[in-house]
Amino acid sequence: MRINVYSQELTEEVIEISKVSNTGIEYKAIQFVLHSSPMLHHPPADDDRSAVTFWLPQSIPGLMRARSMFEEAMNLVAVELNKTVVAQEMRLAADTDCEPKND
Protein backbone atom coordinates (compact mmCIF):
# COMPACT_ATOMS: atom_id res chain seq x y z
CA MET A 1 0.00 0.00 0.00
CA ARG A 2 1.25 3.50 -0.79
CA ILE A 3 -0.15 6.69 0.69
CA ASN A 4 0.79 9.97 -0.96
CA VAL A 5 0.54 13.15 1.10
CA TYR A 6 1.38 16.28 -0.84
CA SER A 7 3.23 19.19 0.77
CA GLN A 8 0.18 21.44 0.37
CA GLU A 9 -1.76 19.08 2.66
CA LEU A 10 0.72 19.21 5.54
CA THR A 11 -0.01 21.09 8.73
CA GLU A 12 2.02 21.53 11.90
CA GLU A 13 -0.57 19.62 13.91
CA VAL A 14 0.68 16.33 15.33
CA ILE A 15 -1.52 14.59 17.87
CA GLU A 16 -0.92 11.76 20.31
CA ILE A 17 -3.80 9.28 20.10
CA SER A 18 -4.73 6.81 22.81
CA LYS A 19 -7.52 4.25 22.41
CA VAL A 20 -8.58 1.50 24.78
CA SER A 21 -9.91 -1.59 23.03
CA ASN A 22 -12.83 -3.67 24.28
CA THR A 23 -10.20 -6.07 25.69
CA GLY A 24 -8.80 -3.31 27.89
CA ILE A 25 -5.55 -2.94 25.95
CA GLU A 26 -4.51 0.67 25.41
CA TYR A 27 -3.12 1.45 21.96
CA LYS A 28 -1.14 4.62 21.20
CA ALA A 29 -0.55 6.39 17.92
CA ILE A 30 0.95 9.48 16.37
CA GLN A 31 -1.41 11.30 14.03
CA PHE A 32 -0.40 13.89 11.45
CA VAL A 33 -3.45 16.05 10.77
CA LEU A 34 -3.82 17.24 7.17
CA HIS A 35 -5.60 20.21 5.65
CA SER A 36 -9.24 19.27 5.30
CA SER A 37 -12.23 20.74 3.58
CA PRO A 38 -13.99 23.36 5.72
CA MET A 39 -17.20 21.50 4.93
CA LEU A 40 -16.09 18.73 7.29
CA HIS A 41 -16.70 19.28 10.93
CA HIS A 42 -14.73 17.71 13.70
CA PRO A 43 -16.49 17.49 17.04
CA PRO A 44 -14.15 16.22 19.76
CA ALA A 45 -15.93 12.88 20.03
CA ASP A 46 -15.68 12.17 16.26
CA ASP A 47 -12.74 13.93 14.65
CA ASP A 48 -13.23 13.29 10.93
CA ARG A 49 -10.45 15.53 9.66
CA SER A 50 -7.99 14.07 7.17
CA ALA A 51 -4.96 12.56 8.87
CA VAL A 52 -2.28 9.93 8.65
CA THR A 53 -2.08 7.80 11.79
CA PHE A 54 0.86 5.63 12.80
CA TRP A 55 -0.13 3.11 15.46
CA LEU A 56 2.82 2.43 17.71
CA PRO A 57 4.08 -1.01 18.63
CA GLN A 58 3.89 -1.96 22.30
CA SER A 59 7.20 -3.79 22.55
CA ILE A 60 10.55 -2.12 23.24
CA PRO A 61 12.13 -3.49 20.01
CA GLY A 62 9.10 -2.34 18.02
CA LEU A 63 9.21 1.14 19.55
CA MET A 64 12.96 1.33 18.84
CA ARG A 65 12.31 0.45 15.18
CA ALA A 66 9.58 3.09 14.99
CA ARG A 67 11.89 5.67 16.55
CA SER A 68 14.63 4.78 14.05
CA MET A 69 12.17 5.12 11.18
CA PHE A 70 11.04 8.59 12.28
CA GLU A 71 14.63 9.68 12.97
CA GLU A 72 15.67 8.60 9.47
CA ALA A 73 12.73 10.52 8.01
CA MET A 74 13.81 13.62 9.96
CA ASN A 75 17.38 13.19 8.71
CA LEU A 76 16.16 13.04 5.11
CA VAL A 77 14.15 16.24 5.62
CA ALA A 78 17.20 17.94 7.19
CA VAL A 79 19.38 16.99 4.20
CA GLU A 80 16.78 18.34 1.77
CA LEU A 81 16.46 21.55 3.79
CA ASN A 82 20.23 22.05 3.75
CA LYS A 83 20.39 21.48 -0.01
CA THR A 84 17.55 23.96 -0.56
CA VAL A 85 19.19 26.62 1.63
CA VAL A 86 22.53 26.23 -0.18
CA ALA A 87 20.84 26.41 -3.59
CA GLN A 88 18.93 29.55 -2.58
CA GLU A 89 22.10 31.19 -1.26
CA MET A 90 23.91 30.36 -4.52
CA ARG A 91 21.06 31.89 -6.56
CA LEU A 92 21.13 35.04 -4.43
CA ALA A 93 24.90 35.30 -4.79
CA ALA A 94 24.66 34.82 -8.57
CA ASP A 95 21.94 37.48 -8.80
CA THR A 96 24.11 39.90 -6.80
CA ASP A 97 27.13 39.22 -9.03
CA CYS A 98 25.06 39.95 -12.16
CA GLU A 99 23.92 43.39 -10.98
CA PRO A 100 25.76 46.30 -12.65
CA LYS A 101 28.25 48.00 -10.38
CA ASN A 102 28.16 51.77 -10.14
CA ASP A 103 31.75 52.73 -9.45
PDB file of N, CA and C in Angstrom:
ATOM      1  N   MET A   1       0.856  -1.163   0.000  1.00  0.00           N
ATOM      2  CA  MET A   1       0.000   0.000   0.000  1.00  0.00           C
ATOM      3  C   MET A   1       0.905   1.229   0.000  1.00  0.00           C
ATOM      4  N   ARG A   2       0.538   2.233  -0.765  1.00  0.00           N
ATOM      5  CA  ARG A   2       1.248   3.501  -0.792  1.00  0.00           C
ATOM      6  C   ARG A   2       0.265   4.615  -0.501  1.00  0.00           C
ATOM      7  N   ILE A   3       0.661   5.522   0.367  1.00  0.00           N
ATOM      8  CA  ILE A   3      -0.150   6.694   0.686  1.00  0.00           C
ATOM      9  C   ILE A   3       0.650   7.923   0.309  1.00  0.00           C
ATOM     10  N   ASN A   4       0.123   8.735  -0.559  1.00  0.00           N
ATOM     11  CA  ASN A   4       0.786   9.972  -0.958  1.00  0.00           C
ATOM     12  C   ASN A   4       0.150  11.140  -0.222  1.00  0.00           C
ATOM     13  N   VAL A   5       0.983  11.918   0.448  1.00  0.00           N
ATOM     14  CA  VAL A   5       0.542  13.150   1.095  1.00  0.00           C
ATOM     15  C   VAL A   5       1.360  14.262   0.471  1.00  0.00           C
ATOM     16  N   TYR A   6       0.687  15.200  -0.157  1.00  0.00           N
ATOM     17  CA  TYR A   6       1.377  16.285  -0.841  1.00  0.00           C
ATOM     18  C   TYR A   6       1.688  17.415   0.133  1.00  0.00           C
ATOM     19  N   SER A   7       2.764  18.148  -0.148  1.00  0.00           N
ATOM     20  CA  SER A   7       3.227  19.189   0.769  1.00  0.00           C
ATOM     21  C   SER A   7       2.140  20.212   1.083  1.00  0.00           C
ATOM     22  N   GLN A   8       1.253  20.471   0.143  1.00  0.00           N
ATOM     23  CA  GLN A   8       0.179  21.435   0.373  1.00  0.00           C
ATOM     24  C   GLN A   8      -0.816  20.949   1.422  1.00  0.00           C
ATOM     25  N   GLU A   9      -0.821  19.649   1.688  1.00  0.00           N
ATOM     26  CA  GLU A   9      -1.763  19.076   2.655  1.00  0.00           C
ATOM     27  C   GLU A   9      -1.211  19.066   4.083  1.00  0.00           C
ATOM     28  N   LEU A  10       0.099  19.307   4.231  1.00  0.00           N
ATOM     29  CA  LEU A  10       0.722  19.211   5.544  1.00  0.00           C
ATOM     30  C   LEU A  10       0.334  20.368   6.440  1.00  0.00           C
ATOM     31  N   THR A  11       0.192  20.071   7.701  1.00  0.00           N
ATOM     32  CA  THR A  11      -0.010  21.092   8.725  1.00  0.00           C
ATOM     33  C   THR A  11       1.052  20.852   9.799  1.00  0.00           C
ATOM     34  N   GLU A  12       1.094  21.720  10.780  1.00  0.00           N
ATOM     35  CA  GLU A  12       2.024  21.528  11.896  1.00  0.00           C
ATOM     36  C   GLU A  12       1.384  20.742  13.035  1.00  0.00           C
ATOM     37  N   GLU A  13       0.158  20.295  12.829  1.00  0.00           N
ATOM     38  CA  GLU A  13      -0.570  19.623  13.907  1.00  0.00           C
ATOM     39  C   GLU A  13      -0.241  18.134  13.960  1.00  0.00           C
ATOM     40  N   VAL A  14       0.375  17.733  15.052  1.00  0.00           N
ATOM     41  CA  VAL A  14       0.682  16.326  15.325  1.00  0.00           C
ATOM     42  C   VAL A  14       0.043  15.998  16.669  1.00  0.00           C
ATOM     43  N   ILE A  15      -0.725  14.925  16.689  1.00  0.00           N
ATOM     44  CA  ILE A  15      -1.520  14.586  17.872  1.00  0.00           C
ATOM     45  C   ILE A  15      -1.125  13.202  18.383  1.00  0.00           C
ATOM     46  N   GLU A  16      -1.066  13.077  19.705  1.00  0.00           N
ATOM     47  CA  GLU A  16      -0.915  11.763  20.309  1.00  0.00           C
ATOM     48  C   GLU A  16      -2.316  11.182  20.494  1.00  0.00           C
ATOM     49  N   ILE A  17      -2.507   9.962  20.020  1.00  0.00           N
ATOM     50  CA  ILE A  17      -3.798   9.285  20.101  1.00  0.00           C
ATOM     51  C   ILE A  17      -3.670   8.130  21.101  1.00  0.00           C
ATOM     52  N   SER A  18      -4.696   7.933  21.871  1.00  0.00           N
ATOM     53  CA  SER A  18      -4.734   6.812  22.806  1.00  0.00           C
ATOM     54  C   SER A  18      -6.142   6.215  22.751  1.00  0.00           C
ATOM     55  N   LYS A  19      -6.216   4.929  22.475  1.00  0.00           N
ATOM     56  CA  LYS A  19      -7.518   4.247  22.415  1.00  0.00           C
ATOM     57  C   LYS A  19      -7.442   2.973  23.245  1.00  0.00           C
ATOM     58  N   VAL A  20      -8.480   2.731  24.016  1.00  0.00           N
ATOM     59  CA  VAL A  20      -8.575   1.496  24.783  1.00  0.00           C
ATOM     60  C   VAL A  20      -9.543   0.578  24.044  1.00  0.00           C
ATOM     61  N   SER A  21      -9.071  -0.625  23.749  1.00  0.00           N
ATOM     62  CA  SER A  21      -9.911  -1.587  23.029  1.00  0.00           C
ATOM     63  C   SER A  21     -10.912  -2.225  23.994  1.00  0.00           C
ATOM     64  N   ASN A  22     -11.828  -3.005  23.440  1.00  0.00           N
ATOM     65  CA  ASN A  22     -12.827  -3.673  24.282  1.00  0.00           C
ATOM     66  C   ASN A  22     -12.194  -4.774  25.135  1.00  0.00           C
ATOM     67  N   THR A  23     -10.925  -5.094  24.867  1.00  0.00           N
ATOM     68  CA  THR A  23     -10.202  -6.070  25.687  1.00  0.00           C
ATOM     69  C   THR A  23      -9.432  -5.397  26.821  1.00  0.00           C
ATOM     70  N   GLY A  24      -9.486  -4.055  26.846  1.00  0.00           N
ATOM     71  CA  GLY A  24      -8.804  -3.313  27.894  1.00  0.00           C
ATOM     72  C   GLY A  24      -7.381  -2.908  27.547  1.00  0.00           C
ATOM     73  N   ILE A  25      -6.910  -3.305  26.375  1.00  0.00           N
ATOM     74  CA  ILE A  25      -5.554  -2.938  25.953  1.00  0.00           C
ATOM     75  C   ILE A  25      -5.573  -1.509  25.419  1.00  0.00           C
ATOM     76  N   GLU A  26      -4.614  -0.711  25.885  1.00  0.00           N
ATOM     77  CA  GLU A  26      -4.514   0.669  25.409  1.00  0.00           C
ATOM     78  C   GLU A  26      -3.520   0.722  24.254  1.00  0.00           C
ATOM     79  N   TYR A  27      -3.960   1.282  23.143  1.00  0.00           N
ATOM     80  CA  TYR A  27      -3.121   1.455  21.959  1.00  0.00           C
ATOM     81  C   TYR A  27      -2.811   2.934  21.795  1.00  0.00           C
ATOM     82  N   LYS A  28      -1.579   3.236  21.389  1.00  0.00           N
ATOM     83  CA  LYS A  28      -1.144   4.622  21.201  1.00  0.00           C
ATOM     84  C   LYS A  28      -0.723   4.822  19.765  1.00  0.00           C
ATOM     85  N   ALA A  29      -0.895   6.071  19.300  1.00  0.00           N
ATOM     86  CA  ALA A  29      -0.546   6.390  17.924  1.00  0.00           C
ATOM     87  C   ALA A  29      -0.075   7.832  17.836  1.00  0.00           C
ATOM     88  N   ILE A  30       0.577   8.117  16.733  1.00  0.00           N
ATOM     89  CA  ILE A  30       0.953   9.480  16.369  1.00  0.00           C
ATOM     90  C   ILE A  30       0.147   9.812  15.118  1.00  0.00           C
ATOM     91  N   GLN A  31      -0.547  10.928  15.147  1.00  0.00           N
ATOM     92  CA  GLN A  31      -1.407  11.303  14.027  1.00  0.00           C
ATOM     93  C   GLN A  31      -0.966  12.651  13.470  1.00  0.00           C
ATOM     94  N   PHE A  32      -0.728  12.676  12.166  1.00  0.00           N
ATOM     95  CA  PHE A  32      -0.397  13.895  11.448  1.00  0.00           C
ATOM     96  C   PHE A  32      -1.682  14.393  10.793  1.00  0.00           C
ATOM     97  N   VAL A  33      -2.189  15.506  11.274  1.00  0.00           N
ATOM     98  CA  VAL A  33      -3.447  16.053  10.768  1.00  0.00           C
ATOM     99  C   VAL A  33      -3.153  16.825   9.478  1.00  0.00           C
ATOM    100  N   LEU A  34      -3.992  16.612   8.475  1.00  0.00           N
ATOM    101  CA  LEU A  34      -3.818  17.244   7.171  1.00  0.00           C
ATOM    102  C   LEU A  34      -4.860  18.335   6.972  1.00  0.00           C
ATOM    103  N   HIS A  35      -4.588  19.207   6.006  1.00  0.00           N
ATOM    104  CA  HIS A  35      -5.600  20.208   5.654  1.00  0.00           C
ATOM    105  C   HIS A  35      -6.847  19.468   5.181  1.00  0.00           C
ATOM    106  N   SER A  36      -7.977  19.895   5.660  1.00  0.00           N
ATOM    107  CA  SER A  36      -9.243  19.275   5.303  1.00  0.00           C
ATOM    108  C   SER A  36     -10.203  20.322   4.769  1.00  0.00           C
ATOM    109  N   SER A  37     -11.189  19.849   4.085  1.00  0.00           N
ATOM    110  CA  SER A  37     -12.226  20.737   3.582  1.00  0.00           C
ATOM    111  C   SER A  37     -12.944  21.403   4.742  1.00  0.00           C
ATOM    112  N   PRO A  38     -13.235  22.706   4.640  1.00  0.00           N
ATOM    113  CA  PRO A  38     -13.986  23.357   5.718  1.00  0.00           C
ATOM    114  C   PRO A  38     -15.406  22.809   5.862  1.00  0.00           C
ATOM    115  N   MET A  39     -15.864  22.076   4.858  1.00  0.00           N
ATOM    116  CA  MET A  39     -17.200  21.500   4.930  1.00  0.00           C
ATOM    117  C   MET A  39     -17.265  20.363   5.951  1.00  0.00           C
ATOM    118  N   LEU A  40     -16.105  19.788   6.275  1.00  0.00           N
ATOM    119  CA  LEU A  40     -16.086  18.730   7.287  1.00  0.00           C
ATOM    120  C   LEU A  40     -16.070  19.372   8.662  1.00  0.00           C
ATOM    121  N   HIS A  41     -16.744  18.765   9.575  1.00  0.00           N
ATOM    122  CA  HIS A  41     -16.703  19.278  10.932  1.00  0.00           C
ATOM    123  C   HIS A  41     -16.064  18.213  11.806  1.00  0.00           C
ATOM    124  N   HIS A  42     -15.477  18.648  12.862  1.00  0.00           N
ATOM    125  CA  HIS A  42     -14.733  17.710  13.696  1.00  0.00           C
ATOM    126  C   HIS A  42     -15.040  17.933  15.174  1.00  0.00           C
ATOM    127  N   PRO A  43     -16.200  17.423  15.608  1.00  0.00           N
ATOM    128  CA  PRO A  43     -16.488  17.489  17.040  1.00  0.00           C
ATOM    129  C   PRO A  43     -15.484  16.615  17.794  1.00  0.00           C
ATOM    130  N   PRO A  44     -15.169  16.969  19.014  1.00  0.00           N
ATOM    131  CA  PRO A  44     -14.149  16.217  19.761  1.00  0.00           C
ATOM    132  C   PRO A  44     -14.396  14.708  19.823  1.00  0.00           C
ATOM    133  N   ALA A  45     -15.633  14.308  19.906  1.00  0.00           N
ATOM    134  CA  ALA A  45     -15.930  12.878  20.025  1.00  0.00           C
ATOM    135  C   ALA A  45     -15.732  12.126  18.705  1.00  0.00           C
ATOM    136  N   ASP A  46     -15.788  12.826  17.569  1.00  0.00           N
ATOM    137  CA  ASP A  46     -15.683  12.168  16.265  1.00  0.00           C
ATOM    138  C   ASP A  46     -14.906  13.069  15.316  1.00  0.00           C
ATOM    139  N   ASP A  47     -13.607  13.085  15.468  1.00  0.00           N
ATOM    140  CA  ASP A  47     -12.739  13.926  14.653  1.00  0.00           C
ATOM    141  C   ASP A  47     -12.606  13.283  13.274  1.00  0.00           C
ATOM    142  N   ASP A  48     -13.263  13.880  12.267  1.00  0.00           N
ATOM    143  CA  ASP A  48     -13.232  13.286  10.926  1.00  0.00           C
ATOM    144  C   ASP A  48     -12.331  14.060   9.969  1.00  0.00           C
ATOM    145  N   ARG A  49     -11.393  14.835  10.522  1.00  0.00           N
ATOM    146  CA  ARG A  49     -10.446  15.528   9.659  1.00  0.00           C
ATOM    147  C   ARG A  49      -9.522  14.518   8.993  1.00  0.00           C
ATOM    148  N   SER A  50      -8.963  14.919   7.851  1.00  0.00           N
ATOM    149  CA  SER A  50      -7.989  14.069   7.167  1.00  0.00           C
ATOM    150  C   SER A  50      -6.736  13.968   8.017  1.00  0.00           C
ATOM    151  N   ALA A  51      -6.168  12.779   8.073  1.00  0.00           N
ATOM    152  CA  ALA A  51      -4.959  12.562   8.869  1.00  0.00           C
ATOM    153  C   ALA A  51      -4.288  11.267   8.445  1.00  0.00           C
ATOM    154  N   VAL A  52      -3.023  11.176   8.786  1.00  0.00           N
ATOM    155  CA  VAL A  52      -2.280   9.927   8.650  1.00  0.00           C
ATOM    156  C   VAL A  52      -1.910   9.510  10.063  1.00  0.00           C
ATOM    157  N   THR A  53      -2.284   8.290  10.427  1.00  0.00           N
ATOM    158  CA  THR A  53      -2.081   7.805  11.789  1.00  0.00           C
ATOM    159  C   THR A  53      -1.113   6.637  11.772  1.00  0.00           C
ATOM    160  N   PHE A  54      -0.094   6.716  12.624  1.00  0.00           N
ATOM    161  CA  PHE A  54       0.861   5.635  12.798  1.00  0.00           C
ATOM    162  C   PHE A  54       0.625   5.026  14.180  1.00  0.00           C
ATOM    163  N   TRP A  55       0.097   3.800  14.189  1.00  0.00           N
ATOM    164  CA  TRP A  55      -0.134   3.107  15.464  1.00  0.00           C
ATOM    165  C   TRP A  55       1.195   2.542  15.921  1.00  0.00           C
ATOM    166  N   LEU A  56       1.512   2.802  17.180  1.00  0.00           N
ATOM    167  CA  LEU A  56       2.816   2.429  17.709  1.00  0.00           C
ATOM    168  C   LEU A  56       2.823   1.002  18.235  1.00  0.00           C
ATOM    169  N   PRO A  57       3.950   0.317  18.042  1.00  0.00           N
ATOM    170  CA  PRO A  57       4.083  -1.010  18.634  1.00  0.00           C
ATOM    171  C   PRO A  57       4.113  -0.883  20.153  1.00  0.00           C
ATOM    172  N   GLN A  58       3.891  -1.990  20.839  1.00  0.00           N
ATOM    173  CA  GLN A  58       3.892  -1.957  22.297  1.00  0.00           C
ATOM    174  C   GLN A  58       5.160  -2.571  22.893  1.00  0.00           C
ATOM    175  N   SER A  59       5.971  -3.170  22.042  1.00  0.00           N
ATOM    176  CA  SER A  59       7.199  -3.785  22.548  1.00  0.00           C
ATOM    177  C   SER A  59       8.359  -2.790  22.446  1.00  0.00           C
ATOM    178  N   ILE A  60       9.362  -2.995  23.287  1.00  0.00           N
ATOM    179  CA  ILE A  60      10.546  -2.124  23.238  1.00  0.00           C
ATOM    180  C   ILE A  60      11.243  -2.222  21.878  1.00  0.00           C
ATOM    181  N   PRO A  61      11.491  -3.434  21.337  1.00  0.00           N
ATOM    182  CA  PRO A  61      12.130  -3.493  20.014  1.00  0.00           C
ATOM    183  C   PRO A  61      11.282  -2.810  18.927  1.00  0.00           C
ATOM    184  N   GLY A  62       9.975  -2.979  19.006  1.00  0.00           N
ATOM    185  CA  GLY A  62       9.096  -2.340  18.021  1.00  0.00           C
ATOM    186  C   GLY A  62       9.140  -0.827  18.130  1.00  0.00           C
ATOM    187  N   LEU A  63       9.124  -0.316  19.359  1.00  0.00           N
ATOM    188  CA  LEU A  63       9.214   1.140  19.554  1.00  0.00           C
ATOM    189  C   LEU A  63      10.568   1.667  19.099  1.00  0.00           C
ATOM    190  N   MET A  64      11.627   0.895  19.302  1.00  0.00           N
ATOM    191  CA  MET A  64      12.958   1.326  18.843  1.00  0.00           C
ATOM    192  C   MET A  64      13.004   1.390  17.320  1.00  0.00           C
ATOM    193  N   ARG A  65      12.370   0.417  16.649  1.00  0.00           N
ATOM    194  CA  ARG A  65      12.312   0.447  15.176  1.00  0.00           C
ATOM    195  C   ARG A  65      11.511   1.659  14.705  1.00  0.00           C
ATOM    196  N   ALA A  66      10.394   1.935  15.368  1.00  0.00           N
ATOM    197  CA  ALA A  66       9.576   3.094  14.994  1.00  0.00           C
ATOM    198  C   ALA A  66      10.367   4.379  15.186  1.00  0.00           C
ATOM    199  N   ARG A  67      11.077   4.484  16.307  1.00  0.00           N
ATOM    200  CA  ARG A  67      11.891   5.671  16.551  1.00  0.00           C
ATOM    201  C   ARG A  67      12.954   5.821  15.470  1.00  0.00           C
ATOM    202  N   SER A  68      13.613   4.735  15.107  1.00  0.00           N
ATOM    203  CA  SER A  68      14.633   4.784  14.048  1.00  0.00           C
ATOM    204  C   SER A  68      14.030   5.243  12.725  1.00  0.00           C
ATOM    205  N   MET A  69      12.831   4.743  12.421  1.00  0.00           N
ATOM    206  CA  MET A  69      12.169   5.123  11.176  1.00  0.00           C
ATOM    207  C   MET A  69      11.888   6.624  11.140  1.00  0.00           C
ATOM    208  N   PHE A  70      11.343   7.165  12.241  1.00  0.00           N
ATOM    209  CA  PHE A  70      11.037   8.592  12.279  1.00  0.00           C
ATOM    210  C   PHE A  70      12.310   9.435  12.295  1.00  0.00           C
ATOM    211  N   GLU A  71      13.360   8.959  12.982  1.00  0.00           N
ATOM    212  CA  GLU A  71      14.632   9.683  12.968  1.00  0.00           C
ATOM    213  C   GLU A  71      15.218   9.731  11.567  1.00  0.00           C
ATOM    214  N   GLU A  72      15.153   8.620  10.846  1.00  0.00           N
ATOM    215  CA  GLU A  72      15.667   8.597   9.465  1.00  0.00           C
ATOM    216  C   GLU A  72      14.865   9.543   8.585  1.00  0.00           C
ATOM    217  N   ALA A  73      13.564   9.581   8.770  1.00  0.00           N
ATOM    218  CA  ALA A  73      12.730  10.521   8.005  1.00  0.00           C
ATOM    219  C   ALA A  73      13.143  11.959   8.311  1.00  0.00           C
ATOM    220  N   MET A  74      13.376  12.272   9.586  1.00  0.00           N
ATOM    221  CA  MET A  74      13.808  13.621   9.965  1.00  0.00           C
ATOM    222  C   MET A  74      15.168  13.950   9.360  1.00  0.00           C
ATOM    223  N   ASN A  75      16.073  12.969   9.324  1.00  0.00           N
ATOM    224  CA  ASN A  75      17.384  13.187   8.706  1.00  0.00           C
ATOM    225  C   ASN A  75      17.248  13.499   7.216  1.00  0.00           C
ATOM    226  N   LEU A  76      16.371  12.787   6.536  1.00  0.00           N
ATOM    227  CA  LEU A  76      16.163  13.042   5.106  1.00  0.00           C
ATOM    228  C   LEU A  76      15.602  14.441   4.874  1.00  0.00           C
ATOM    229  N   VAL A  77      14.686  14.885   5.730  1.00  0.00           N
ATOM    230  CA  VAL A  77      14.146  16.242   5.619  1.00  0.00           C
ATOM    231  C   VAL A  77      15.252  17.262   5.877  1.00  0.00           C
ATOM    232  N   ALA A  78      16.106  17.011   6.873  1.00  0.00           N
ATOM    233  CA  ALA A  78      17.202  17.938   7.188  1.00  0.00           C
ATOM    234  C   ALA A  78      18.170  18.057   6.018  1.00  0.00           C
ATOM    235  N   VAL A  79      18.489  16.953   5.365  1.00  0.00           N
ATOM    236  CA  VAL A  79      19.376  16.985   4.198  1.00  0.00           C
ATOM    237  C   VAL A  79      18.744  17.814   3.084  1.00  0.00           C
ATOM    238  N   GLU A  80      17.467  17.590   2.826  1.00  0.00           N
ATOM    239  CA  GLU A  80      16.778  18.339   1.765  1.00  0.00           C
ATOM    240  C   GLU A  80      16.714  19.819   2.108  1.00  0.00           C
ATOM    241  N   LEU A  81      16.471  20.154   3.367  1.00  0.00           N
ATOM    242  CA  LEU A  81      16.457  21.550   3.792  1.00  0.00           C
ATOM    243  C   LEU A  81      17.813  22.193   3.568  1.00  0.00           C
ATOM    244  N   ASN A  82      18.878  21.511   3.959  1.00  0.00           N
ATOM    245  CA  ASN A  82      20.226  22.053   3.754  1.00  0.00           C
ATOM    246  C   ASN A  82      20.523  22.281   2.277  1.00  0.00           C
ATOM    247  N   LYS A  83      20.164  21.323   1.430  1.00  0.00           N
ATOM    248  CA  LYS A  83      20.394  21.483  -0.015  1.00  0.00           C
ATOM    249  C   LYS A  83      19.614  22.674  -0.555  1.00  0.00           C
ATOM    250  N   THR A  84      18.384  22.854  -0.093  1.00  0.00           N
ATOM    251  CA  THR A  84      17.552  23.956  -0.564  1.00  0.00           C
ATOM    252  C   THR A  84      18.114  25.301  -0.109  1.00  0.00           C
ATOM    253  N   VAL A  85      18.598  25.376   1.123  1.00  0.00           N
ATOM    254  CA  VAL A  85      19.194  26.616   1.634  1.00  0.00           C
ATOM    255  C   VAL A  85      20.445  26.964   0.837  1.00  0.00           C
ATOM    256  N   VAL A  86      21.305  25.990   0.590  1.00  0.00           N
ATOM    257  CA  VAL A  86      22.529  26.230  -0.184  1.00  0.00           C
ATOM    258  C   VAL A  86      22.184  26.683  -1.599  1.00  0.00           C
ATOM    259  N   ALA A  87      21.230  26.029  -2.230  1.00  0.00           N
ATOM    260  CA  ALA A  87      20.839  26.407  -3.594  1.00  0.00           C
ATOM    261  C   ALA A  87      20.286  27.826  -3.627  1.00  0.00           C
ATOM    262  N   GLN A  88      19.492  28.188  -2.629  1.00  0.00           N
ATOM    263  CA  GLN A  88      18.935  29.546  -2.579  1.00  0.00           C
ATOM    264  C   GLN A  88      20.044  30.573  -2.366  1.00  0.00           C
ATOM    265  N   GLU A  89      20.989  30.272  -1.491  1.00  0.00           N
ATOM    266  CA  GLU A  89      22.103  31.189  -1.255  1.00  0.00           C
ATOM    267  C   GLU A  89      22.939  31.363  -2.512  1.00  0.00           C
ATOM    268  N   MET A  90      23.135  30.279  -3.263  1.00  0.00           N
ATOM    269  CA  MET A  90      23.906  30.362  -4.516  1.00  0.00           C
ATOM    270  C   MET A  90      23.166  31.217  -5.542  1.00  0.00           C
ATOM    271  N   ARG A  91      21.843  31.073  -5.618  1.00  0.00           N
ATOM    272  CA  ARG A  91      21.063  31.890  -6.562  1.00  0.00           C
ATOM    273  C   ARG A  91      21.145  33.361  -6.180  1.00  0.00           C
ATOM    274  N   LEU A  92      21.036  33.654  -4.878  1.00  0.00           N
ATOM    275  CA  LEU A  92      21.131  35.040  -4.425  1.00  0.00           C
ATOM    276  C   LEU A  92      22.504  35.625  -4.723  1.00  0.00           C
ATOM    277  N   ALA A  93      23.544  34.837  -4.510  1.00  0.00           N
ATOM    278  CA  ALA A  93      24.902  35.302  -4.790  1.00  0.00           C
ATOM    279  C   ALA A  93      25.088  35.543  -6.285  1.00  0.00           C
ATOM    280  N   ALA A  94      24.551  34.652  -7.111  1.00  0.00           N
ATOM    281  CA  ALA A  94      24.657  34.819  -8.567  1.00  0.00           C
ATOM    282  C   ALA A  94      23.894  36.051  -9.020  1.00  0.00           C
ATOM    283  N   ASP A  95      22.717  36.295  -8.443  1.00  0.00           N
ATOM    284  CA  ASP A  95      21.941  37.483  -8.800  1.00  0.00           C
ATOM    285  C   ASP A  95      22.693  38.745  -8.409  1.00  0.00           C
ATOM    286  N   THR A  96      23.358  38.741  -7.272  1.00  0.00           N
ATOM    287  CA  THR A  96      24.113  39.900  -6.796  1.00  0.00           C
ATOM    288  C   THR A  96      25.311  40.145  -7.695  1.00  0.00           C
ATOM    289  N   ASP A  97      25.979  39.062  -8.155  1.00  0.00           N
ATOM    290  CA  ASP A  97      27.131  39.220  -9.030  1.00  0.00           C
ATOM    291  C   ASP A  97      26.747  39.752 -10.407  1.00  0.00           C
ATOM    292  N   CYS A  98      25.514  39.530 -10.833  1.00  0.00           N
ATOM    293  CA  CYS A  98      25.058  39.954 -12.162  1.00  0.00           C
ATOM    294  C   CYS A  98      24.605  41.404 -12.173  1.00  0.00           C
ATOM    295  N   GLU A  99      24.399  42.005 -11.015  1.00  0.00           N
ATOM    296  CA  GLU A  99      23.925  43.394 -10.975  1.00  0.00           C
ATOM    297  C   GLU A  99      25.049  44.323 -11.417  1.00  0.00           C
ATOM    298  N   PRO A 100      24.721  45.355 -12.211  1.00  0.00           N
ATOM    299  CA  PRO A 100      25.758  46.296 -12.645  1.00  0.00           C
ATOM    300  C   PRO A 100      26.307  47.078 -11.459  1.00  0.00           C
ATOM    301  N   LYS A 101      27.610  47.287 -11.481  1.00  0.00           N
ATOM    302  CA  LYS A 101      28.251  47.996 -10.379  1.00  0.00           C
ATOM    303  C   LYS A 101      28.413  49.459 -10.781  1.00  0.00           C
ATOM    304  N   ASN A 102      28.043  50.320  -9.904  1.00  0.00           N
ATOM    305  CA  ASN A 102      28.164  51.768 -10.137  1.00  0.00           C
ATOM    306  C   ASN A 102      29.390  52.257  -9.395  1.00  0.00           C
ATOM    307  N   ASP A 103      30.509  52.253 -10.077  1.00  0.00           N
ATOM    308  CA  ASP A 103      31.747  52.730  -9.453  1.00  0.00           C
ATOM    309  C   ASP A 103      32.016  54.177  -9.790  1.00  0.00           C
TER     310      ASP A 103
END
